N, C-alpha and C. Protein backbone atom coordinates (compact mmCIF):
# COMPACT_ATOMS: atom_id res chain seq x y z
N MET A 1 228.62 -80.46 84.06
CA MET A 1 230.24 -79.59 84.32
C MET A 1 229.94 -78.80 85.52
N SER A 2 230.99 -78.86 86.36
CA SER A 2 230.94 -77.93 87.37
C SER A 2 232.37 -77.21 87.45
N ASP A 3 232.22 -75.93 87.99
CA ASP A 3 233.27 -75.21 87.98
C ASP A 3 234.52 -75.50 89.10
N PRO A 4 235.44 -75.41 88.86
CA PRO A 4 236.77 -75.96 89.73
C PRO A 4 236.57 -74.81 91.21
N GLN A 5 236.77 -75.28 92.34
CA GLN A 5 236.76 -74.49 93.53
C GLN A 5 237.86 -73.39 92.96
N PRO A 6 237.43 -72.19 93.64
CA PRO A 6 238.53 -71.15 93.61
C PRO A 6 239.70 -71.37 94.36
N SER A 7 240.65 -71.22 94.23
CA SER A 7 242.02 -71.25 95.17
C SER A 7 241.92 -70.38 96.30
N MET A 8 242.88 -70.43 97.28
CA MET A 8 242.77 -69.75 98.51
C MET A 8 243.00 -68.22 98.02
N GLU A 9 243.87 -68.09 97.21
CA GLU A 9 244.21 -66.83 96.67
C GLU A 9 243.17 -66.29 95.83
N GLU A 10 242.49 -66.70 95.30
CA GLU A 10 241.50 -66.29 94.58
C GLU A 10 240.35 -65.70 95.39
N ARG A 11 240.16 -66.47 96.50
CA ARG A 11 239.02 -66.42 97.80
C ARG A 11 239.65 -65.16 98.42
N ILE A 12 241.10 -64.96 98.78
CA ILE A 12 241.33 -63.82 99.56
C ILE A 12 241.48 -62.42 98.66
N LEU A 13 241.48 -62.81 97.29
CA LEU A 13 241.39 -61.22 96.30
C LEU A 13 240.14 -60.78 96.21
N GLN A 14 238.92 -61.76 96.27
CA GLN A 14 237.61 -61.53 95.99
C GLN A 14 236.95 -60.92 97.46
N ALA A 15 237.50 -61.50 98.73
CA ALA A 15 237.20 -60.90 99.86
C ALA A 15 237.73 -59.41 100.05
N VAL A 16 239.05 -59.05 99.52
CA VAL A 16 239.66 -58.04 99.91
C VAL A 16 238.90 -57.21 98.84
N LYS A 17 238.67 -57.43 97.73
CA LYS A 17 238.07 -56.70 96.69
C LYS A 17 236.47 -55.87 97.23
N LEU A 18 235.76 -57.10 97.71
CA LEU A 18 234.55 -56.69 98.26
C LEU A 18 234.73 -55.88 99.40
N THR A 19 235.60 -56.23 100.29
CA THR A 19 235.71 -55.27 101.43
C THR A 19 236.10 -53.85 101.04
N LEU A 20 236.93 -53.78 100.17
CA LEU A 20 237.16 -52.55 99.55
C LEU A 20 236.25 -51.68 99.21
N ALA A 21 235.74 -52.54 98.36
CA ALA A 21 234.02 -51.76 97.54
C ALA A 21 233.29 -51.22 98.61
N GLY A 22 233.21 -52.17 99.66
CA GLY A 22 232.11 -51.55 100.68
C GLY A 22 232.56 -50.67 101.36
N VAL A 23 233.74 -50.46 101.75
CA VAL A 23 234.25 -49.21 102.40
C VAL A 23 234.07 -47.83 101.38
N ILE A 24 234.29 -48.12 99.96
CA ILE A 24 234.21 -46.91 99.29
C ILE A 24 232.77 -46.66 99.11
N ARG A 25 232.13 -47.54 99.31
CA ARG A 25 230.39 -47.35 99.07
C ARG A 25 229.78 -46.67 100.45
N ASP A 26 230.47 -47.24 101.73
CA ASP A 26 229.84 -46.69 102.96
C ASP A 26 230.51 -45.30 103.11
N THR A 27 231.64 -44.71 102.44
CA THR A 27 232.22 -43.52 102.83
C THR A 27 231.61 -42.37 101.58
N ALA A 28 230.84 -42.90 100.81
CA ALA A 28 230.71 -42.10 99.42
C ALA A 28 229.81 -40.78 100.09
N THR A 29 230.07 -39.62 99.54
CA THR A 29 229.49 -38.40 99.96
C THR A 29 228.80 -37.83 98.79
N PRO A 30 227.70 -37.14 99.04
CA PRO A 30 227.07 -36.12 97.97
C PRO A 30 228.17 -35.31 97.14
N GLN A 31 227.78 -35.03 95.99
CA GLN A 31 228.51 -34.20 95.22
C GLN A 31 228.81 -32.71 95.83
N GLY A 32 229.80 -32.26 96.14
CA GLY A 32 230.35 -31.00 96.52
C GLY A 32 230.63 -30.92 98.01
N MET A 33 230.62 -32.08 98.54
CA MET A 33 230.75 -32.36 99.69
C MET A 33 232.29 -33.12 100.11
N ARG A 34 232.68 -32.38 100.97
CA ARG A 34 234.34 -33.00 101.42
C ARG A 34 234.39 -34.51 101.88
N HIS A 35 235.23 -35.18 101.13
CA HIS A 35 234.94 -36.93 101.23
C HIS A 35 235.87 -37.22 102.84
N PRO A 36 235.27 -38.14 103.61
CA PRO A 36 236.05 -38.35 104.81
C PRO A 36 237.55 -38.93 104.71
N LEU A 37 237.70 -39.63 103.45
CA LEU A 37 238.99 -39.93 103.36
C LEU A 37 239.95 -39.00 102.77
N SER A 38 241.30 -39.25 103.03
CA SER A 38 242.14 -37.89 102.43
C SER A 38 242.64 -38.42 101.08
N ASP A 39 242.80 -37.60 100.21
CA ASP A 39 243.08 -37.98 98.77
C ASP A 39 244.01 -38.95 98.57
N ALA A 40 245.24 -38.91 99.61
CA ALA A 40 246.18 -39.99 99.30
C ALA A 40 245.54 -41.44 99.72
N THR A 41 244.47 -41.56 100.61
CA THR A 41 244.08 -42.76 101.01
C THR A 41 243.06 -43.07 99.61
N ILE A 42 242.35 -42.22 99.06
CA ILE A 42 241.79 -42.93 97.91
C ILE A 42 242.42 -43.21 96.75
N GLN A 43 243.60 -42.49 96.48
CA GLN A 43 244.59 -43.10 95.45
C GLN A 43 245.04 -44.67 96.08
N ASP A 44 245.28 -44.70 97.31
CA ASP A 44 245.88 -45.95 97.67
C ASP A 44 244.48 -46.97 97.46
N LEU A 45 243.79 -46.92 97.78
CA LEU A 45 242.35 -47.66 97.18
C LEU A 45 242.36 -47.90 95.96
N ARG A 46 242.47 -46.91 95.12
CA ARG A 46 242.42 -47.25 93.62
C ARG A 46 243.49 -48.03 93.25
N GLN A 47 244.85 -47.87 93.66
CA GLN A 47 245.86 -49.06 93.28
C GLN A 47 245.87 -50.17 93.86
N CYS A 48 244.99 -50.39 95.04
CA CYS A 48 244.79 -51.70 95.56
C CYS A 48 243.83 -52.43 94.70
N LEU A 49 242.84 -51.72 94.36
CA LEU A 49 241.81 -52.50 93.28
C LEU A 49 242.37 -52.58 92.00
N ALA A 50 243.17 -51.80 91.48
CA ALA A 50 244.04 -52.37 90.28
C ALA A 50 245.06 -53.31 90.41
N LEU A 51 245.61 -53.49 91.69
CA LEU A 51 246.55 -54.61 91.55
C LEU A 51 245.54 -55.78 91.70
N ILE A 52 244.63 -55.95 92.36
CA ILE A 52 243.65 -56.91 92.38
C ILE A 52 243.27 -57.49 91.30
N SER A 53 242.84 -56.42 90.57
CA SER A 53 242.20 -56.83 89.11
C SER A 53 243.16 -57.48 88.22
N ALA A 54 244.59 -56.64 88.28
CA ALA A 54 245.58 -57.25 87.49
C ALA A 54 246.09 -58.71 87.96
N ARG A 55 245.90 -59.14 89.15
CA ARG A 55 246.14 -60.43 89.65
C ARG A 55 245.06 -61.34 89.33
N GLU A 56 244.02 -61.08 89.27
CA GLU A 56 242.86 -61.97 89.01
C GLU A 56 242.88 -62.26 87.30
N ARG A 57 243.41 -61.14 86.61
CA ARG A 57 243.57 -61.75 85.21
C ARG A 57 244.67 -62.42 84.99
N GLU A 58 245.92 -62.01 85.91
CA GLU A 58 246.83 -63.39 85.75
C GLU A 58 246.71 -64.81 85.92
N LEU A 59 245.79 -64.76 87.14
CA LEU A 59 245.60 -66.16 87.41
C LEU A 59 244.54 -66.75 86.41
N ALA A 60 243.35 -65.87 85.82
CA ALA A 60 242.56 -66.57 84.99
C ALA A 60 243.36 -67.06 83.67
N GLN A 61 244.32 -65.98 83.26
CA GLN A 61 245.35 -66.44 81.92
C GLN A 61 246.03 -67.74 82.45
N ALA A 62 246.56 -67.49 83.56
CA ALA A 62 247.38 -69.07 83.93
C ALA A 62 246.80 -70.40 83.98
N ALA A 63 245.11 -70.25 84.16
CA ALA A 63 244.15 -71.11 84.31
C ALA A 63 243.86 -71.53 83.12
N GLY A 64 244.05 -70.69 82.17
CA GLY A 64 243.58 -70.81 80.42
C GLY A 64 241.96 -70.51 80.46
N THR A 65 241.48 -69.79 81.61
CA THR A 65 240.08 -69.09 81.28
C THR A 65 239.91 -67.77 81.00
N ALA A 66 239.02 -67.46 80.25
CA ALA A 66 238.86 -66.16 79.69
C ALA A 66 238.00 -65.42 80.72
N ASN A 67 238.42 -64.47 80.99
CA ASN A 67 237.99 -63.68 82.44
C ASN A 67 237.33 -62.57 81.59
N GLU A 68 236.15 -62.63 80.82
CA GLU A 68 235.30 -61.65 80.12
C GLU A 68 234.37 -60.80 81.10
N ALA A 69 234.26 -61.16 82.20
CA ALA A 69 233.37 -60.52 83.26
C ALA A 69 233.54 -58.96 83.46
N ARG A 70 232.54 -58.23 83.30
CA ARG A 70 232.48 -56.96 83.59
C ARG A 70 231.08 -56.42 83.99
N PRO A 71 230.92 -55.33 84.46
CA PRO A 71 229.59 -54.94 84.91
C PRO A 71 228.59 -54.69 84.20
N ARG A 72 227.46 -55.03 84.06
CA ARG A 72 226.41 -54.53 82.93
C ARG A 72 225.22 -53.87 83.76
N TYR A 73 225.03 -52.86 82.82
CA TYR A 73 223.78 -51.82 83.33
C TYR A 73 222.68 -52.75 82.86
N ALA A 74 221.24 -52.28 83.35
CA ALA A 74 219.98 -53.31 83.32
C ALA A 74 219.61 -52.99 81.84
N ASP A 75 219.90 -51.63 81.69
CA ASP A 75 219.38 -51.15 80.13
C ASP A 75 220.35 -51.48 78.88
N GLU A 76 221.68 -52.03 79.21
CA GLU A 76 222.56 -52.07 78.20
C GLU A 76 222.26 -53.42 77.32
N PRO A 77 221.86 -53.06 76.08
CA PRO A 77 221.83 -54.28 75.15
C PRO A 77 222.64 -55.46 75.48
N GLY A 78 222.46 -56.73 75.39
CA GLY A 78 222.85 -58.00 75.78
C GLY A 78 223.05 -58.53 74.34
N ALA A 79 223.52 -59.66 74.40
CA ALA A 79 223.86 -60.57 72.99
C ALA A 79 222.60 -61.22 72.65
N GLN A 80 221.92 -61.71 73.49
CA GLN A 80 220.38 -62.15 73.01
C GLN A 80 219.49 -60.91 72.56
N SER A 81 218.57 -61.35 71.67
CA SER A 81 217.52 -60.33 71.17
C SER A 81 216.38 -60.88 71.44
N VAL A 82 215.44 -60.21 71.92
CA VAL A 82 213.88 -60.64 71.70
C VAL A 82 213.28 -60.98 70.73
N VAL A 83 212.73 -62.01 70.37
CA VAL A 83 211.62 -61.92 69.04
C VAL A 83 210.37 -61.98 69.43
N ARG A 84 209.41 -61.06 69.23
CA ARG A 84 208.07 -61.10 69.94
C ARG A 84 207.15 -61.83 68.86
N VAL A 85 206.30 -62.78 68.89
CA VAL A 85 205.52 -63.48 68.01
C VAL A 85 204.05 -62.99 68.54
N HIS A 86 203.24 -62.43 67.64
CA HIS A 86 201.98 -61.69 67.88
C HIS A 86 200.98 -62.94 67.07
N ARG A 87 199.82 -63.31 67.51
CA ARG A 87 198.89 -64.17 66.97
C ARG A 87 198.02 -63.14 66.29
N ASN A 88 197.57 -63.53 65.00
CA ASN A 88 196.22 -62.53 64.59
C ASN A 88 195.20 -62.74 65.38
N LYS A 89 194.09 -61.92 65.30
CA LYS A 89 193.00 -61.66 65.91
C LYS A 89 192.16 -62.69 65.36
N PRO A 90 191.08 -63.82 66.19
CA PRO A 90 190.30 -64.08 65.14
C PRO A 90 189.34 -63.28 64.28
N GLY A 91 189.22 -63.64 62.94
CA GLY A 91 188.56 -62.75 61.86
C GLY A 91 189.38 -62.23 61.25
N ASP A 92 190.56 -61.96 61.13
CA ASP A 92 191.75 -61.33 60.47
C ASP A 92 191.80 -62.05 59.33
N ALA A 93 192.03 -61.32 58.02
CA ALA A 93 191.93 -61.78 56.52
C ALA A 93 193.40 -62.15 56.37
N ASP A 94 194.14 -61.83 57.23
CA ASP A 94 195.77 -62.27 56.68
C ASP A 94 196.03 -63.61 57.57
N GLY A 95 195.10 -63.95 58.47
CA GLY A 95 195.72 -65.20 59.22
C GLY A 95 194.87 -66.28 58.85
């Protein structure tokens, strides 16, 4: 099973979202320092990202696909669990 190719609109949304995220990342400043972007520009960036996310949800719903994707932290427990199996050492009475 192969996933269908993303539409032109989906590709545009993804490219714009990645570009905005790159601008935000590249202009990040340490705590306490004045940000080089104005407060109005920061609010505009947030609104753009919110609009992109809303449109991506609309497209996913229209296509009938569940968009459960969200960022995950490396130490966040996942849906899978690891079961460790240890062999008894030679000469153990229990094994």
